[in-house]
């Protein structure tokens, strides 16, 4: 039964965020609103029923730290790709250090 609820909640939330994404300009942002936020919200809703609000608070903080780390990674990748003529796979592979550095730094400073 939990799987049915998970798929139903996930589907409804994905549809809602996709509708928001269709209203945003430029359309390249539509993917941001279609995937990650809806999955995160569905996970948090189901987790609060199973583990309680304290556990969900910790999970939500971890999700925020991961999003901040990904933003830092995406910013550095975008900056390097726009400034230099480098291969995409090289830039995205090498800058993974930024993502992990920010994520583990936030974990050490905020989540531990």
PDB file of N, CA and C in Angstrom:
ATOM      1  N   UNK A   1       0.813  -1.198   0.000  1.00  0.00           N
ATOM      2  CA  UNK A   1       0.000   0.000   0.000  1.00  0.00           C
ATOM      3  C   UNK A   1       0.861   1.269   0.000  1.00  0.00           C
ATOM      4  N   UNK A   2       2.012   1.184   0.693  1.00  0.00           N
ATOM      5  CA  UNK A   2       2.898   2.356   0.737  1.00  0.00           C
ATOM      6  C   UNK A   2       3.390   2.731  -0.656  1.00  0.00           C
ATOM      7  N   UNK A   3       3.648   1.720  -1.498  1.00  0.00           N
ATOM      8  CA  UNK A   3       4.116   1.992  -2.857  1.00  0.00           C
ATOM      9  C   UNK A   3       3.046   2.706  -3.670  1.00  0.00           C
ATOM     10  N   UNK A   4       1.799   2.326  -3.490  1.00  0.00           N
ATOM     11  CA  UNK A   4       0.702   2.976  -4.221  1.00  0.00           C
ATOM     12  C   UNK A   4       0.610   4.438  -3.816  1.00  0.00           C
ATOM     13  N   UNK A   5       0.694   4.687  -2.510  1.00  0.00           N
ATOM     14  CA  UNK A   5       0.647   6.069  -2.019  1.00  0.00           C
ATOM     15  C   UNK A   5       1.845   6.858  -2.549  1.00  0.00           C
ATOM     16  N   UNK A   6       3.017   6.238  -2.506  1.00  0.00           N
ATOM     17  CA  UNK A   6       4.231   6.906  -2.976  1.00  0.00           C
ATOM     18  C   UNK A   6       4.095   7.305  -4.449  1.00  0.00           C
ATOM     19  N   UNK A   7       3.619   6.377  -5.283  1.00  0.00           N
ATOM     20  CA  UNK A   7       3.463   6.693  -6.705  1.00  0.00           C
ATOM     21  C   UNK A   7       2.383   7.746  -6.925  1.00  0.00           C
ATOM     22  N   UNK A   8       1.292   7.662  -6.190  1.00  0.00           N
ATOM     23  CA  UNK A   8       0.209   8.635  -6.357  1.00  0.00           C
ATOM     24  C   UNK A   8       0.656  10.033  -5.931  1.00  0.00           C
ATOM     25  N   UNK A   9       1.254  10.133  -4.749  1.00  0.00           N
ATOM     26  CA  UNK A   9       1.715  11.435  -4.267  1.00  0.00           C
ATOM     27  C   UNK A   9       2.800  11.973  -5.199  1.00  0.00           C
ATOM     28  N   UNK A  10       3.753  11.122  -5.558  1.00  0.00           N
ATOM     29  CA  UNK A  10       4.819  11.546  -6.466  1.00  0.00           C
ATOM     30  C   UNK A  10       4.276  12.029  -7.796  1.00  0.00           C
ATOM     31  N   UNK A  11       3.324  11.300  -8.357  1.00  0.00           N
ATOM     32  CA  UNK A  11       2.741  11.691  -9.635  1.00  0.00           C
ATOM     33  C   UNK A  11       1.996  13.006  -9.567  1.00  0.00           C
ATOM     34  N   UNK A  12       1.228  13.188  -8.501  1.00  0.00           N
ATOM     35  CA  UNK A  12       0.487  14.448  -8.341  1.00  0.00           C
ATOM     36  C   UNK A  12       1.422  15.636  -8.160  1.00  0.00           C
ATOM     37  N   UNK A  13       2.450  15.441  -7.368  1.00  0.00           N
ATOM     38  CA  UNK A  13       3.377  16.536  -7.126  1.00  0.00           C
ATOM     39  C   UNK A  13       4.206  16.834  -8.370  1.00  0.00           C
ATOM     40  N   UNK A  14       4.617  15.800  -9.097  1.00  0.00           N
ATOM     41  CA  UNK A  14       5.341  16.012 -10.357  1.00  0.00           C
ATOM     42  C   UNK A  14       4.465  16.790 -11.336  1.00  0.00           C
ATOM     43  N   UNK A  15       3.203  16.426 -11.436  1.00  0.00           N
ATOM     44  CA  UNK A  15       2.295  17.142 -12.340  1.00  0.00           C
ATOM     45  C   UNK A  15       2.147  18.600 -11.929  1.00  0.00           C
ATOM     46  N   UNK A  16       2.052  18.849 -10.633  1.00  0.00           N
ATOM     47  CA  UNK A  16       1.945  20.225 -10.145  1.00  0.00           C
ATOM     48  C   UNK A  16       3.184  21.048 -10.460  1.00  0.00           C
ATOM     49  N   UNK A  17       4.350  20.485 -10.181  1.00  0.00           N
ATOM     50  CA  UNK A  17       5.581  21.216 -10.481  1.00  0.00           C
ATOM     51  C   UNK A  17       5.808  21.362 -11.979  1.00  0.00           C
ATOM     52  N   UNK A  18       5.366  20.411 -12.766  1.00  0.00           N
ATOM     53  CA  UNK A  18       5.473  20.543 -14.225  1.00  0.00           C
ATOM     54  C   UNK A  18       4.613  21.692 -14.724  1.00  0.00           C
ATOM     55  N   UNK A  19       3.441  21.850 -14.131  1.00  0.00           N
ATOM     56  CA  UNK A  19       2.573  22.973 -14.503  1.00  0.00           C
ATOM     57  C   UNK A  19       3.247  24.302 -14.160  1.00  0.00           C
ATOM     58  N   UNK A  20       3.893  24.361 -12.995  1.00  0.00           N
ATOM     59  CA  UNK A  20       4.628  25.570 -12.623  1.00  0.00           C
ATOM     60  C   UNK A  20       5.767  25.803 -13.609  1.00  0.00           C
ATOM     61  N   UNK A  21       6.455  24.730 -13.975  1.00  0.00           N
ATOM     62  CA  UNK A  21       7.559  24.846 -14.925  1.00  0.00           C
ATOM     63  C   UNK A  21       7.129  25.363 -16.278  1.00  0.00           C
ATOM     64  N   UNK A  22       5.919  25.033 -16.694  1.00  0.00           N
ATOM     65  CA  UNK A  22       5.415  25.524 -17.975  1.00  0.00           C
ATOM     66  C   UNK A  22       5.150  27.025 -17.957  1.00  0.00           C
ATOM     67  N   UNK A  23       4.917  27.573 -16.771  1.00  0.00           N
ATOM     68  CA  UNK A  23       4.640  29.004 -16.662  1.00  0.00           C
ATOM     69  C   UNK A  23       5.907  29.843 -16.541  1.00  0.00           C
ATOM     70  N   UNK A  24       7.046  29.217 -16.293  1.00  0.00           N
ATOM     71  CA  UNK A  24       8.297  29.937 -16.056  1.00  0.00           C
ATOM     72  C   UNK A  24       9.006  30.194 -17.374  1.00  0.00           C
ATOM     73  N   UNK A  25       9.636  31.343 -17.469  1.00  0.00           N
ATOM     74  CA  UNK A  25      10.449  31.679 -18.630  1.00  0.00           C
ATOM     75  C   UNK A  25      11.896  31.716 -18.190  1.00  0.00           C
ATOM     76  N   UNK A  26      12.874  31.233 -18.878  1.00  0.00           N
ATOM     77  CA  UNK A  26      12.816  30.438 -20.093  1.00  0.00           C
ATOM     78  C   UNK A  26      12.360  29.011 -19.805  1.00  0.00           C
ATOM     79  N   UNK A  27      11.988  28.328 -20.846  1.00  0.00           N
ATOM     80  CA  UNK A  27      11.453  26.973 -20.717  1.00  0.00           C
ATOM     81  C   UNK A  27      12.503  25.974 -20.235  1.00  0.00           C
ATOM     82  N   UNK A  28      13.763  26.349 -20.283  1.00  0.00           N
ATOM     83  CA  UNK A  28      14.806  25.431 -19.819  1.00  0.00           C
ATOM     84  C   UNK A  28      14.708  25.178 -18.314  1.00  0.00           C
ATOM     85  N   UNK A  29      14.007  26.028 -17.577  1.00  0.00           N
ATOM     86  CA  UNK A  29      13.815  25.817 -16.150  1.00  0.00           C
ATOM     87  C   UNK A  29      12.716  24.809 -15.845  1.00  0.00           C
ATOM     88  N   UNK A  30      11.944  24.425 -16.839  1.00  0.00           N
ATOM     89  CA  UNK A  30      10.829  23.506 -16.614  1.00  0.00           C
ATOM     90  C   UNK A  30      11.288  22.184 -16.021  1.00  0.00           C
ATOM     91  N   UNK A  31      12.435  21.696 -16.437  1.00  0.00           N
ATOM     92  CA  UNK A  31      12.962  20.440 -15.898  1.00  0.00           C
ATOM     93  C   UNK A  31      13.284  20.521 -14.424  1.00  0.00           C
ATOM     94  N   UNK A  32      13.722  21.690 -13.976  1.00  0.00           N
ATOM     95  CA  UNK A  32      14.014  21.864 -12.550  1.00  0.00           C
ATOM     96  C   UNK A  32      12.765  21.679 -11.707  1.00  0.00           C
ATOM     97  N   UNK A  33      11.653  22.200 -12.187  1.00  0.00           N
ATOM     98  CA  UNK A  33      10.424  22.120 -11.421  1.00  0.00           C
ATOM     99  C   UNK A  33       9.704  20.793 -11.601  1.00  0.00           C
ATOM    100  N   UNK A  34      10.083  20.021 -12.597  1.00  0.00           N
ATOM    101  CA  UNK A  34       9.402  18.766 -12.864  1.00  0.00           C
ATOM    102  C   UNK A  34       9.907  17.584 -12.069  1.00  0.00           C
ATOM    103  N   UNK A  35      11.152  17.601 -11.651  1.00  0.00           N
ATOM    104  CA  UNK A  35      11.738  16.407 -11.062  1.00  0.00           C
ATOM    105  C   UNK A  35      12.043  16.486  -9.586  1.00  0.00           C
ATOM    106  N   UNK A  36      13.161  17.080  -9.262  1.00  0.00           N
ATOM    107  CA  UNK A  36      13.713  16.997  -7.903  1.00  0.00           C
ATOM    108  C   UNK A  36      12.791  17.504  -6.794  1.00  0.00           C
ATOM    109  N   UNK A  37      12.177  18.667  -6.913  1.00  0.00           N
ATOM    110  CA  UNK A  37      11.346  19.126  -5.801  1.00  0.00           C
ATOM    111  C   UNK A  37      10.177  18.189  -5.507  1.00  0.00           C
ATOM    112  N   UNK A  38       9.590  17.646  -6.548  1.00  0.00           N
ATOM    113  CA  UNK A  38       8.433  16.784  -6.336  1.00  0.00           C
ATOM    114  C   UNK A  38       8.823  15.474  -5.675  1.00  0.00           C
ATOM    115  N   UNK A  39       9.945  14.912  -6.069  1.00  0.00           N
ATOM    116  CA  UNK A  39      10.407  13.668  -5.455  1.00  0.00           C
ATOM    117  C   UNK A  39      10.780  13.918  -3.998  1.00  0.00           C
ATOM    118  N   UNK A  40      11.430  15.046  -3.736  1.00  0.00           N
ATOM    119  CA  UNK A  40      11.811  15.377  -2.361  1.00  0.00           C
ATOM    120  C   UNK A  40      10.582  15.555  -1.477  1.00  0.00           C
ATOM    121  N   UNK A  41       9.592  16.263  -1.965  1.00  0.00           N
ATOM    122  CA  UNK A  41       8.380  16.473  -1.169  1.00  0.00           C
ATOM    123  C   UNK A  41       7.620  15.178  -0.921  1.00  0.00           C
ATOM    124  N   UNK A  42       7.515  14.349  -1.932  1.00  0.00           N
ATOM    125  CA  UNK A  42       6.829  13.068  -1.753  1.00  0.00           C
ATOM    126  C   UNK A  42       7.568  12.201  -0.741  1.00  0.00           C
ATOM    127  N   UNK A  43       8.885  12.211  -0.803  1.00  0.00           N
ATOM    128  CA  UNK A  43       9.683  11.444   0.150  1.00  0.00           C
ATOM    129  C   UNK A  43       9.484  11.957   1.561  1.00  0.00           C
ATOM    130  N   UNK A  44       9.480  13.274   1.731  1.00  0.00           N
ATOM    131  CA  UNK A  44       9.304  13.844   3.073  1.00  0.00           C
ATOM    132  C   UNK A  44       7.915  13.550   3.638  1.00  0.00           C
ATOM    133  N   UNK A  45       6.893  13.614   2.805  1.00  0.00           N
ATOM    134  CA  UNK A  45       5.526  13.318   3.271  1.00  0.00           C
ATOM    135  C   UNK A  45       5.420  11.877   3.759  1.00  0.00           C
ATOM    136  N   UNK A  46       5.970  10.960   3.002  1.00  0.00           N
ATOM    137  CA  UNK A  46       5.906   9.559   3.406  1.00  0.00           C
ATOM    138  C   UNK A  46       6.794   9.274   4.614  1.00  0.00           C
ATOM    139  N   UNK A  47       7.922   9.942   4.697  1.00  0.00           N
ATOM    140  CA  UNK A  47       8.846   9.710   5.805  1.00  0.00           C
ATOM    141  C   UNK A  47       8.294  10.246   7.115  1.00  0.00           C
ATOM    142  N   UNK A  48       7.562  11.345   7.088  1.00  0.00           N
ATOM    143  CA  UNK A  48       7.004  11.891   8.333  1.00  0.00           C
ATOM    144  C   UNK A  48       6.013  10.919   8.950  1.00  0.00           C
ATOM    145  N   UNK A  49       5.285  10.190   8.136  1.00  0.00           N
ATOM    146  CA  UNK A  49       4.338   9.202   8.656  1.00  0.00           C
ATOM    147  C   UNK A  49       5.034   7.971   9.228  1.00  0.00           C
ATOM    148  N   UNK A  50       6.203   7.650   8.681  1.00  0.00           N
ATOM    149  CA  UNK A  50       6.896   6.444   9.093  1.00  0.00           C
ATOM    150  C   UNK A  50       7.880   6.674  10.235  1.00  0.00           C
ATOM    151  N   UNK A  51       8.623   7.800  10.202  1.00  0.00           N
ATOM    152  CA  UNK A  51       9.697   8.025  11.163  1.00  0.00           C
ATOM    153  C   UNK A  51       9.476   9.218  12.080  1.00  0.00           C
ATOM    154  N   UNK A  52       8.526  10.088  11.782  1.00  0.00           N
ATOM    155  CA  UNK A  52       8.269  11.237  12.632  1.00  0.00           C
ATOM    156  C   UNK A  52       8.940  12.510  12.149  1.00  0.00           C
ATOM    157  N   UNK A  53       8.525  13.640  12.733  1.00  0.00           N
ATOM    158  CA  UNK A  53       8.999  14.944  12.255  1.00  0.00           C
ATOM    159  C   UNK A  53      10.481  15.227  12.538  1.00  0.00           C
ATOM    160  N   UNK A  54      11.032  14.671  13.609  1.00  0.00           N
ATOM    161  CA  UNK A  54      12.443  14.921  13.910  1.00  0.00           C
ATOM    162  C   UNK A  54      13.345  14.323  12.836  1.00  0.00           C
ATOM    163  N   UNK A  55      13.040  13.128  12.424  1.00  0.00           N
ATOM    164  CA  UNK A  55      13.810  12.466  11.368  1.00  0.00           C
ATOM    165  C   UNK A  55      13.676  13.224  10.047  1.00  0.00           C
ATOM    166  N   UNK A  56      12.463  13.686   9.755  1.00  0.00           N
ATOM    167  CA  UNK A  56      12.217  14.420   8.510  1.00  0.00           C
ATOM    168  C   UNK A  56      12.966  15.745   8.515  1.00  0.00           C
ATOM    169  N   UNK A  57      13.066  16.373   9.680  1.00  0.00           N
ATOM    170  CA  UNK A  57      13.812  17.621   9.771  1.00  0.00           C
ATOM    171  C   UNK A  57      15.275  17.402   9.372  1.00  0.00           C
ATOM    172  N   UNK A  58      15.859  16.327   9.856  1.00  0.00           N
ATOM    173  CA  UNK A  58      17.239  16.008   9.514  1.00  0.00           C
ATOM    174  C   UNK A  58      17.372  15.722   8.014  1.00  0.00           C
ATOM    175  N   UNK A  59      16.430  14.968   7.471  1.00  0.00           N
ATOM    176  CA  UNK A  59      16.460  14.657   6.041  1.00  0.00           C
ATOM    177  C   UNK A  59      16.302  15.913   5.195  1.00  0.00           C
ATOM    178  N   UNK A  60      15.420  16.819   5.596  1.00  0.00           N
ATOM    179  CA  UNK A  60      15.206  18.059   4.841  1.00  0.00           C
ATOM    180  C   UNK A  60      16.456  18.923   4.858  1.00  0.00           C
ATOM    181  N   UNK A  61      17.130  19.001   5.999  1.00  0.00           N
ATOM    182  CA  UNK A  61      18.379  19.758   6.062  1.00  0.00           C
ATOM    183  C   UNK A  61      19.426  19.141   5.144  1.00  0.00           C
ATOM    184  N   UNK A  62      19.474  17.822   5.081  1.00  0.00           N
ATOM    185  CA  UNK A  62      20.410  17.153   4.184  1.00  0.00           C
ATOM    186  C   UNK A  62      20.081  17.458   2.726  1.00  0.00           C
ATOM    187  N   UNK A  63      18.800  17.502   2.392  1.00  0.00           N
ATOM    188  CA  UNK A  63      18.393  17.820   1.030  1.00  0.00           C
ATOM    189  C   UNK A  63      18.786  19.253   0.668  1.00  0.00           C
ATOM    190  N   UNK A  64      18.632  20.173   1.603  1.00  0.00           N
ATOM    191  CA  UNK A  64      19.009  21.566   1.357  1.00  0.00           C
ATOM    192  C   UNK A  64      20.512  21.674   1.131  1.00  0.00           C
ATOM    193  N   UNK A  65      21.290  20.988   1.961  1.00  0.00           N
ATOM    194  CA  UNK A  65      22.753  21.006   1.799  1.00  0.00           C
ATOM    195  C   UNK A  65      23.145  20.425   0.440  1.00  0.00           C
ATOM    196  N   UNK A  66      22.503  19.350   0.033  1.00  0.00           N
ATOM    197  CA  UNK A  66      22.780  18.766  -1.279  1.00  0.00           C
ATOM    198  C   UNK A  66      22.432  19.710  -2.419  1.00  0.00           C
ATOM    199  N   UNK A  67      21.334  20.444  -2.272  1.00  0.00           N
ATOM    200  CA  UNK A  67      20.937  21.400  -3.305  1.00  0.00           C
ATOM    201  C   UNK A  67      21.926  22.561  -3.392  1.00  0.00           C
ATOM    202  N   UNK A  68      22.390  23.043  -2.242  1.00  0.00           N
ATOM    203  CA  UNK A  68      23.386  24.117  -2.239  1.00  0.00           C
ATOM    204  C   UNK A  68      24.676  23.635  -2.893  1.00  0.00           C
ATOM    205  N   UNK A  69      25.092  22.421  -2.570  1.00  0.00           N
ATOM    206  CA  UNK A  69      26.309  21.863  -3.168  1.00  0.00           C
ATOM    207  C   UNK A  69      26.150  21.701  -4.676  1.00  0.00           C
ATOM    208  N   UNK A  70      24.986  21.241  -5.116  1.00  0.00           N
ATOM    209  CA  UNK A  70      24.756  21.103  -6.553  1.00  0.00           C
ATOM    210  C   UNK A  70      24.753  22.459  -7.247  1.00  0.00           C
ATOM    211  N   UNK A  71      24.166  23.468  -6.601  1.00  0.00           N
ATOM    212  CA  UNK A  71      24.176  24.818  -7.180  1.00  0.00           C
ATOM    213  C   UNK A  71      25.608  25.312  -7.364  1.00  0.00           C
ATOM    214  N   UNK A  72      26.457  25.104  -6.358  1.00  0.00           N
ATOM    215  CA  UNK A  72      27.857  25.513  -6.464  1.00  0.00           C
ATOM    216  C   UNK A  72      28.534  24.800  -7.637  1.00  0.00           C
ATOM    217  N   UNK A  73      28.287  23.509  -7.753  1.00  0.00           N
ATOM    218  CA  UNK A  73      28.841  22.719  -8.855  1.00  0.00           C
ATOM    219  C   UNK A  73      28.353  23.247 -10.203  1.00  0.00           C
ATOM    220  N   UNK A  74      27.059  23.460 -10.336  1.00  0.00           N
ATOM    221  CA  UNK A  74      26.489  23.934 -11.599  1.00  0.00           C
ATOM    222  C   UNK A  74      27.010  25.326 -11.949  1.00  0.00           C
ATOM    223  N   UNK A  75      27.176  26.174 -10.942  1.00  0.00           N
ATOM    224  CA  UNK A  75      27.701  27.516 -11.168  1.00  0.00           C
ATOM    225  C   UNK A  75      29.129  27.450 -11.716  1.00  0.00           C
ATOM    226  N   UNK A  76      29.976  26.631 -11.096  1.00  0.00           N
ATOM    227  CA  UNK A  76      31.367  26.514 -11.534  1.00  0.00           C
ATOM    228  C   UNK A  76      31.441  25.893 -12.930  1.00  0.00           C
ATOM    229  N   UNK A  77      30.638  24.862 -13.180  1.00  0.00           N
ATOM    230  CA  UNK A  77      30.627  24.251 -14.516  1.00  0.00           C
ATOM    231  C   UNK A  77      30.197  25.274 -15.559  1.00  0.00           C
ATOM    232  N   UNK A  78      29.130  26.008 -15.294  1.00  0.00           N
ATOM    233  CA  UNK A  78      28.645  27.014 -16.247  1.00  0.00           C
ATOM    234  C   UNK A  78      29.697  28.079 -16.501  1.00  0.00           C
ATOM    235  N   UNK A  79      30.325  28.547 -15.434  1.00  0.00           N
ATOM    236  CA  UNK A  79      31.337  29.584 -15.566  1.00  0.00           C
ATOM    237  C   UNK A  79      32.516  29.099 -16.401  1.00  0.00           C
ATOM    238  N   UNK A  80      32.999  27.890 -16.110  1.00  0.00           N
ATOM    239  CA  UNK A  80      34.128  27.349 -16.866  1.00  0.00           C
ATOM    240  C   UNK A  80      33.768  27.093 -18.327  1.00  0.00           C
ATOM    241  N   UNK A  81      32.575  26.593 -18.578  1.00  0.00           N
ATOM    242  CA  UNK A  81      32.170  26.293 -19.955  1.00  0.00           C
ATOM    243  C   UNK A  81      31.988  27.571 -20.776  1.00  0.00           C
ATOM    244  N   UNK A  82      31.540  28.642 -20.137  1.00  0.00           N
ATOM    245  CA  UNK A  82      31.331  29.892 -20.865  1.00  0.00           C
ATOM    246  C   UNK A  82      32.648  30.643 -21.080  1.00  0.00           C
ATOM    247  N   UNK A  83      33.595  30.488 -20.182  1.00  0.00           N
ATOM    248  CA  UNK A  83      34.870  31.211 -20.271  1.00  0.00           C
ATOM    249  C   UNK A  83      35.907  30.500 -21.134  1.00  0.00           C
ATOM    250  N   UNK A  84      35.878  29.187 -21.126  1.00  0.00           N
ATOM    251  CA  UNK A  84      36.921  28.404 -21.792  1.00  0.00           C
ATOM    252  C   UNK A  84      36.312  27.444 -22.803  1.00  0.00           C
ATOM    253  N   UNK A  85      37.101  27.061 -23.739  1.00  0.00           N
ATOM    254  CA  UNK A  85      36.668  26.053 -24.711  1.00  0.00           C
ATOM    255  C   UNK A  85      37.206  24.702 -24.261  1.00  0.00           C
ATOM    256  N   UNK A  86      36.593  24.145 -23.255  1.00  0.00           N
ATOM    257  CA  UNK A  86      37.002  22.857 -22.707  1.00  0.00           C
ATOM    258  C   UNK A  86      35.959  21.805 -23.031  1.00  0.00           C
ATOM    259  N   UNK A  87      36.386  20.563 -23.016  1.00  0.00           N
ATOM    260  CA  UNK A  87      35.459  19.455 -23.251  1.00  0.00           C
ATOM    261  C   UNK A  87      34.490  19.342 -22.069  1.00  0.00           C
ATOM    262  N   UNK A  88      33.245  19.084 -22.375  1.00  0.00           N
ATOM    263  CA  UNK A  88      32.222  19.007 -21.344  1.00  0.00           C
ATOM    264  C   UNK A  88      32.520  17.916 -20.330  1.00  0.00           C
ATOM    265  N   UNK A  89      32.901  16.743 -20.792  1.00  0.00           N
ATOM    266  CA  UNK A  89      33.138  15.650 -19.859  1.00  0.00           C
ATOM    267  C   UNK A  89      34.321  15.938 -18.937  1.00  0.00           C
ATOM    268  N   UNK A  90      35.307  16.700 -19.414  1.00  0.00           N
ATOM    269  CA  UNK A  90      36.450  17.057 -18.565  1.00  0.00           C
ATOM    270  C   UNK A  90      36.003  18.022 -17.470  1.00  0.00           C
ATOM    271  N   UNK A  91      35.280  19.069 -17.854  1.00  0.00           N
ATOM    272  CA  UNK A  91      34.832  20.074 -16.881  1.00  0.00           C
ATOM    273  C   UNK A  91      33.902  19.443 -15.859  1.00  0.00           C
ATOM    274  N   UNK A  92      32.921  18.679 -16.311  1.00  0.00           N
ATOM    275  CA  UNK A  92      31.963  18.098 -15.362  1.00  0.00           C
ATOM    276  C   UNK A  92      32.610  17.065 -14.454  1.00  0.00           C
ATOM    277  N   UNK A  93      33.585  16.348 -14.953  1.00  0.00           N
ATOM    278  CA  UNK A  93      34.270  15.349 -14.124  1.00  0.00           C
ATOM    279  C   UNK A  93      35.184  15.999 -13.090  1.00  0.00           C
ATOM    280  N   UNK A  94      35.971  16.951 -13.527  1.00  0.00           N
ATOM    281  CA  UNK A  94      36.929  17.593 -12.626  1.00  0.00           C
ATOM    282  C   UNK A  94      36.221  18.420 -11.551  1.00  0.00           C
ATOM    283  N   UNK A  95      35.143  19.081 -11.916  1.00  0.00           N
ATOM    284  CA  UNK A  95      34.466  19.942 -10.941  1.00  0.00           C
ATOM    285  C   UNK A  95      33.575  19.170  -9.962  1.00  0.00           C
ATOM    286  N   UNK A  96      33.512  17.869 -10.099  1.00  0.00           N
ATOM    287  CA  UNK A  96      32.816  17.070  -9.072  1.00  0.00           C
ATOM    288  C   UNK A  96      33.450  17.295  -7.702  1.00  0.00           C
ATOM    289  N   UNK A  97      34.726  17.655  -7.706  1.00  0.00           N
ATOM    290  CA  UNK A  97      35.423  17.976  -6.458  1.00  0.00           C
ATOM    291  C   UNK A  97      34.730  19.140  -5.756  1.00  0.00           C
ATOM    292  N   UNK A  98      34.237  20.109  -6.532  1.00  0.00           N
ATOM    293  CA  UNK A  98      33.516  21.244  -5.953  1.00  0.00           C
ATOM    294  C   UNK A  98      32.249  20.755  -5.269  1.00  0.00           C
ATOM    295  N   UNK A  99      31.492  19.922  -5.971  1.00  0.00           N
ATOM    296  CA  UNK A  99      30.242  19.404  -5.416  1.00  0.00           C
ATOM    297  C   UNK A  99      30.489  18.666  -4.101  1.00  0.00           C
ATOM    298  N   UNK A 100      31.431  17.728  -4.130  1.00  0.00           N
ATOM    299  CA  UNK A 100      31.714  16.951  -2.923  1.00  0.00           C
ATOM    300  C   UNK A 100      32.313  17.819  -1.823  1.00  0.00           C
ATOM    301  N   UNK A 101      33.165  18.768  -2.194  1.00  0.00           N
ATOM    302  CA  UNK A 101      33.765  19.655  -1.197  1.00  0.00           C
ATOM    303  C   UNK A 101      32.725  20.495  -0.474  1.00  0.00           C
ATOM    304  N   UNK A 102      31.803  21.072  -1.233  1.00  0.00           N
ATOM    305  CA  UNK A 102      30.747  21.882  -0.621  1.00  0.00           C
ATOM    306  C   UNK A 102      29.818  21.000   0.211  1.00  0.00           C
ATOM    307  N   UNK A 103      29.458  19.836  -0.321  1.00  0.00           N
ATOM    308  CA  UNK A 103      28.552  18.941   0.409  1.00  0.00           C
ATOM    309  C   UNK A 103      29.166  18.481   1.729  1.00  0.00           C
ATOM    310  N   UNK A 104      30.406  18.024   1.691  1.00  0.00           N
ATOM    311  CA  UNK A 104      31.044  17.560   2.922  1.00  0.00           C
ATOM    312  C   UNK A 104      31.369  18.720   3.857  1.00  0.00           C
ATOM    313  N   UNK A 105      31.672  19.890   3.303  1.00  0.00           N
ATOM    314  CA  UNK A 105      31.885  21.069   4.135  1.00  0.00           C
ATOM    315  C   UNK A 105      30.625  21.471   4.881  1.00  0.00           C
ATOM    316  N   UNK A 106      29.499  21.464   4.173  1.00  0.00           N
ATOM    317  CA  UNK A 106      28.219  21.770   4.835  1.00  0.00           C
ATOM    318  C   UNK A 106      27.868  20.709   5.867  1.00  0.00           C
ATOM    319  N   UNK A 107      28.150  19.470   5.544  1.00  0.00           N
ATOM    320  CA  UNK A 107      27.877  18.401   6.512  1.00  0.00           C
ATOM    321  C   UNK A 107      28.689  18.617   7.787  1.00  0.00           C
ATOM    322  N   UNK A 108      29.972  18.926   7.623  1.00  0.00           N
ATOM    323  CA  UNK A 108      30.844  19.106   8.784  1.00  0.00           C
ATOM    324  C   UNK A 108      30.453  20.326   9.600  1.00  0.00           C
ATOM    325  N   UNK A 109      30.021  21.389   8.930  1.00  0.00           N
ATOM    326  CA  UNK A 109      29.699  22.626   9.637  1.00  0.00           C
ATOM    327  C   UNK A 109      28.274  22.688  10.165  1.00  0.00           C
ATOM    328  N   UNK A 110      27.328  22.051   9.463  1.00  0.00           N
ATOM    329  CA  UNK A 110      25.927  22.287   9.764  1.00  0.00           C
ATOM    330  C   UNK A 110      25.163  21.028  10.183  1.00  0.00           C
ATOM    331  N   UNK A 111      25.481  19.906   9.597  1.00  0.00           N
ATOM    332  CA  UNK A 111      24.644  18.721   9.785  1.00  0.00           C
ATOM    333  C   UNK A 111      25.146  17.760  10.841  1.00  0.00           C
ATOM    334  N   UNK A 112      26.385  17.833  11.228  1.00  0.00           N
ATOM    335  CA  UNK A 112      26.914  16.880  12.195  1.00  0.00           C
ATOM    336  C   UNK A 112      26.372  17.079  13.561  1.00  0.00           C
TER     337      UNK A 112
END
